[in-house]
Amino acid sequence: MTKISFDIVGFDLDGTFLDTSGDLTAAVNHALAEAGRAPLTVEQVKPMIGGGAKHMLALTMEATGGCTDEEFRRLYKLLLGYYEANVAVETRPFPGAVEAIDALRGQGVKVAVVTNKFESLAEKALRELGLRDRFAALIGGDTMGKGFAKPHRAPIDEMIRRCGGGSAAFVGDSIYDIQAARNAGIPNVAVSFGFLMQPVAELGADAVIDDYAELIPALRRIGA
């Protein structure tokens, strides 16, 4: 197999490496139940994932009738508490994801996670699934400080720094991911099976994959 030309490949977490939709929907519905509202389906929640838990809850509350700032703060604490306690009940890697990162690591490529999820929650989910040690770095939505989550380039730059520098590419499922990679000046790959807020073709990614078996060939193409 021809080696890819990247030293580092970063991955978004929710909707890219992990299917977290079941556990995030359960957390959303816990908050909605506390607010006396009807639950949402996984398919309704999926497009709301990607910008972090606060953004997800804000979209949820807008979709179900809005709420006061005080009520929002109360529900946000309840959502986070429930999610932290149930972070890996239904969450699993997407099919082929673990095999893909193991193949990259087998080529000497460092793999990393850059997510808008709180770093502590991302760390907990990956540890509970026994996957944390595969990643050379993990950058969360709060790691770089307020205002520096994706689509800002700072978390991508920090990923590269923590991995020792070199050429990098990034894999994601949202406009936040593709813009962050573009802002950092690195090539990017979009997955079509993630929690898409818009058609994948509209993301403007350098490559699109429908399955993790297509990842290394796609990275080889965009790195040529």
Protein backbone atom coordinates (compact mmCIF):
# COMPACT_ATOMS: atom_id res chain seq x y z
CA MET A 1 0.00 0.00 0.00
CA THR A 2 1.33 3.42 -0.96
CA LYS A 3 1.92 5.53 2.14
CA ILE A 4 -0.12 8.71 2.45
CA SER A 5 1.80 11.99 2.52
CA PHE A 6 0.40 13.30 5.81
CA ASP A 7 2.17 13.08 9.17
CA ILE A 8 -1.05 13.81 11.11
CA VAL A 9 -4.73 13.10 10.44
CA GLY A 10 -7.25 14.76 12.75
CA PHE A 11 -10.83 13.66 13.28
CA ASP A 12 -13.94 15.38 14.53
CA LEU A 13 -15.66 13.19 17.12
CA ASP A 14 -19.48 13.41 17.03
CA GLY A 15 -20.83 12.30 13.67
CA THR A 16 -17.38 11.58 12.26
CA PHE A 17 -15.51 9.07 14.42
CA LEU A 18 -18.24 8.27 16.95
CA ASP A 19 -21.97 7.89 16.48
CA THR A 20 -23.01 9.72 19.65
CA SER A 21 -26.54 10.46 18.46
CA GLY A 22 -28.31 8.01 20.81
CA ASP A 23 -26.69 9.32 23.98
CA LEU A 24 -26.98 12.98 22.96
CA THR A 25 -30.67 12.50 22.13
CA ALA A 26 -31.23 10.86 25.52
CA ALA A 27 -29.57 13.88 27.20
CA VAL A 28 -31.69 16.32 25.16
CA ASN A 29 -34.84 14.41 26.02
CA HIS A 30 -33.90 14.40 29.71
CA ALA A 31 -33.78 18.22 29.57
CA LEU A 32 -37.03 18.39 27.58
CA ALA A 33 -38.81 16.14 30.09
CA GLU A 34 -37.68 18.47 32.89
CA ALA A 35 -39.18 21.35 30.89
CA GLY A 36 -42.45 19.44 30.43
CA ARG A 37 -41.99 19.01 26.70
CA ALA A 38 -42.32 16.08 24.35
CA PRO A 39 -39.18 14.14 23.39
CA LEU A 40 -37.41 14.46 20.04
CA THR A 41 -36.27 11.61 17.82
CA VAL A 42 -32.63 10.83 17.06
CA GLU A 43 -33.19 12.04 13.48
CA GLN A 44 -34.50 15.38 14.77
CA VAL A 45 -31.52 15.86 17.08
CA LYS A 46 -28.76 14.82 14.64
CA PRO A 47 -28.69 18.10 12.64
CA MET A 48 -28.40 20.03 15.92
CA ILE A 49 -25.14 18.27 16.90
CA GLY A 50 -21.76 19.74 16.05
CA GLY A 51 -21.55 23.14 17.68
CA GLY A 52 -21.26 21.88 21.26
CA ALA A 53 -23.86 21.03 23.91
CA LYS A 54 -24.98 24.63 24.55
CA HIS A 55 -25.63 25.22 20.85
CA MET A 56 -27.47 21.88 20.60
CA LEU A 57 -29.72 22.75 23.54
CA ALA A 58 -30.37 26.25 22.16
CA LEU A 59 -31.55 24.74 18.86
CA THR A 60 -33.65 22.20 20.78
CA MET A 61 -35.39 24.87 22.82
CA GLU A 62 -35.99 27.06 19.76
CA ALA A 63 -37.55 24.08 17.97
CA THR A 64 -39.88 23.33 20.90
CA GLY A 65 -41.12 26.81 21.79
CA GLY A 66 -38.20 28.73 23.28
CA CYS A 67 -37.41 29.44 26.94
CA THR A 68 -36.13 32.13 29.29
CA ASP A 69 -32.40 32.58 29.96
CA GLU A 70 -32.89 31.36 33.53
CA GLU A 71 -34.71 28.21 32.37
CA PHE A 72 -32.02 27.63 29.72
CA ARG A 73 -29.24 27.73 32.34
CA ARG A 74 -31.15 25.24 34.51
CA LEU A 75 -31.77 22.84 31.62
CA TYR A 76 -28.19 23.15 30.36
CA LYS A 77 -26.84 21.98 33.74
CA LEU A 78 -29.30 19.07 33.75
CA LEU A 79 -28.37 18.08 30.20
CA LEU A 80 -24.63 18.14 30.93
CA GLY A 81 -25.03 16.18 34.17
CA TYR A 82 -27.13 13.51 32.50
CA TYR A 83 -24.81 13.26 29.49
CA GLU A 84 -21.66 12.99 31.59
CA ALA A 85 -23.22 10.10 33.52
CA ASN A 86 -24.36 8.36 30.31
CA VAL A 87 -21.69 9.36 27.80
CA ALA A 88 -21.07 5.92 26.27
CA VAL A 89 -24.26 3.91 26.74
CA GLU A 90 -25.20 3.77 23.04
CA THR A 91 -22.18 5.58 21.58
CA ARG A 92 -20.03 3.49 19.24
CA PRO A 93 -17.42 4.18 16.53
CA PHE A 94 -18.81 4.33 13.02
CA PRO A 95 -18.25 1.11 11.03
CA GLY A 96 -14.64 0.87 9.89
CA ALA A 97 -13.49 3.93 11.88
CA VAL A 98 -11.20 2.05 14.28
CA GLU A 99 -9.76 -0.04 11.45
CA ALA A 100 -9.04 3.16 9.48
CA ILE A 101 -7.15 4.86 12.29
CA ASP A 102 -5.23 1.65 13.03
CA ALA A 103 -4.23 1.48 9.36
CA LEU A 104 -3.04 5.10 9.51
CA ARG A 105 -1.09 4.44 12.69
CA GLY A 106 0.42 1.40 11.01
CA GLN A 107 1.84 3.78 8.40
CA GLY A 108 3.41 5.92 11.12
CA VAL A 109 0.70 8.61 10.93
CA LYS A 110 -0.35 10.28 14.19
CA VAL A 111 -4.11 10.50 14.66
CA ALA A 112 -5.85 13.10 16.82
CA VAL A 113 -9.31 14.33 17.81
CA VAL A 114 -10.50 17.94 17.51
CA THR A 115 -14.08 18.29 18.72
CA ASN A 116 -16.43 21.03 19.88
CA LYS A 117 -17.51 18.71 22.72
CA PHE A 118 -16.02 19.64 26.11
CA GLU A 119 -12.58 18.06 26.38
CA SER A 120 -13.52 16.20 29.59
CA LEU A 121 -16.60 14.62 27.95
CA ALA A 122 -14.66 13.61 24.84
CA GLU A 123 -11.93 12.14 27.03
CA LYS A 124 -14.49 10.21 29.12
CA ALA A 125 -16.32 8.82 26.06
CA LEU A 126 -13.11 7.62 24.37
CA ARG A 127 -11.77 6.13 27.61
CA GLU A 128 -15.01 4.26 28.33
CA LEU A 129 -14.87 2.83 24.81
CA GLY A 130 -11.19 1.85 25.28
CA LEU A 131 -10.06 4.07 22.39
CA ARG A 132 -8.34 7.08 23.98
CA ASP A 133 -4.80 5.65 23.79
CA ARG A 134 -4.94 5.45 20.01
CA PHE A 135 -4.96 9.25 19.70
CA ALA A 136 -1.82 11.34 20.07
CA ALA A 137 -3.84 14.45 21.00
CA LEU A 138 -7.37 15.43 21.97
CA ILE A 139 -8.56 19.04 21.67
CA GLY A 140 -12.03 19.91 22.98
CA GLY A 141 -14.31 22.86 22.38
CA ASP A 142 -13.12 24.44 25.63
CA THR A 143 -9.41 23.53 25.39
CA MET A 144 -8.29 26.74 23.69
CA GLY A 145 -10.57 29.06 25.66
CA LYS A 146 -13.79 30.87 24.87
CA GLY A 147 -14.22 31.83 21.22
CA PHE A 148 -11.56 29.44 19.93
CA ALA A 149 -13.56 26.32 19.05
CA LYS A 150 -14.06 25.20 15.44
CA PRO A 151 -14.46 26.87 12.93
CA HIS A 152 -11.56 28.85 14.44
CA ARG A 153 -8.20 27.54 13.27
CA ALA A 154 -6.68 27.54 16.79
CA PRO A 155 -7.69 23.97 17.74
CA ILE A 156 -6.31 22.63 14.44
CA ASP A 157 -3.05 24.50 14.97
CA GLU A 158 -2.85 23.13 18.52
CA MET A 159 -3.49 19.59 17.25
CA ILE A 160 -0.54 19.91 14.88
CA ARG A 161 1.67 21.37 17.64
CA ARG A 162 0.80 18.60 20.12
CA CYS A 163 1.49 15.96 17.48
CA GLY A 164 4.98 17.33 16.91
CA GLY A 165 4.36 19.29 13.72
CA GLY A 166 4.29 18.20 10.09
CA SER A 167 1.76 17.96 7.30
CA ALA A 168 -1.83 17.39 8.38
CA ALA A 169 -5.33 16.71 7.08
CA PHE A 170 -8.67 16.82 8.88
CA VAL A 171 -11.79 14.63 8.67
CA GLY A 172 -15.22 15.91 9.71
CA ASP A 173 -18.95 16.01 9.03
CA SER A 174 -19.91 19.67 9.51
CA ILE A 175 -19.25 23.12 8.14
CA TYR A 176 -17.40 23.85 11.43
CA ASP A 177 -14.91 21.09 10.58
CA ILE A 178 -14.32 22.03 6.97
CA GLN A 179 -14.00 25.74 7.74
CA ALA A 180 -11.60 25.08 10.63
CA ALA A 181 -9.38 22.99 8.35
CA ARG A 182 -9.58 25.61 5.62
CA ASN A 183 -8.82 28.40 8.09
CA ALA A 184 -5.74 26.45 9.21
CA GLY A 185 -4.71 25.88 5.60
CA ILE A 186 -4.87 22.09 5.61
CA PRO A 187 -6.71 19.64 3.31
CA ASN A 188 -9.97 18.15 4.52
CA VAL A 189 -12.30 15.19 4.03
CA ALA A 190 -16.04 15.18 4.75
CA VAL A 191 -17.97 12.05 5.69
CA SER A 192 -21.42 11.71 4.15
CA PHE A 193 -22.78 9.54 6.99
CA GLY A 194 -22.41 12.09 9.80
CA PHE A 195 -24.80 14.47 11.54
CA LEU A 196 -25.19 16.71 8.51
CA MET A 197 -26.73 20.14 8.91
CA GLN A 198 -26.72 20.55 5.12
CA PRO A 199 -26.05 18.36 2.06
CA VAL A 200 -22.47 17.11 2.18
CA ALA A 201 -21.76 18.52 -1.29
CA GLU A 202 -22.36 22.02 0.09
CA LEU A 203 -19.53 21.75 2.61
CA GLY A 204 -16.90 22.38 -0.06
CA ALA A 205 -14.59 19.65 1.23
CA ASP A 206 -11.52 18.52 -0.71
CA ALA A 207 -12.90 14.97 -0.70
CA VAL A 208 -16.09 13.21 0.43
CA ILE A 209 -16.25 9.62 1.64
CA ASP A 210 -19.30 7.41 2.12
CA ASP A 211 -17.46 4.72 4.10
CA TYR A 212 -14.26 4.52 6.16
CA ALA A 213 -12.83 2.05 3.63
CA GLU A 214 -12.54 5.07 1.30
CA LEU A 215 -10.54 7.24 3.74
CA ILE A 216 -6.95 6.28 2.97
CA PRO A 217 -7.46 6.40 -0.82
CA ALA A 218 -9.08 9.84 -0.40
CA LEU A 219 -6.17 11.07 1.75
CA ARG A 220 -3.74 9.73 -0.82
CA ARG A 221 -5.52 11.68 -3.57
CA ILE A 222 -5.73 15.02 -1.76
CA GLY A 223 -2.14 14.70 -0.54
CA ALA A 224 -0.71 13.96 -3.97
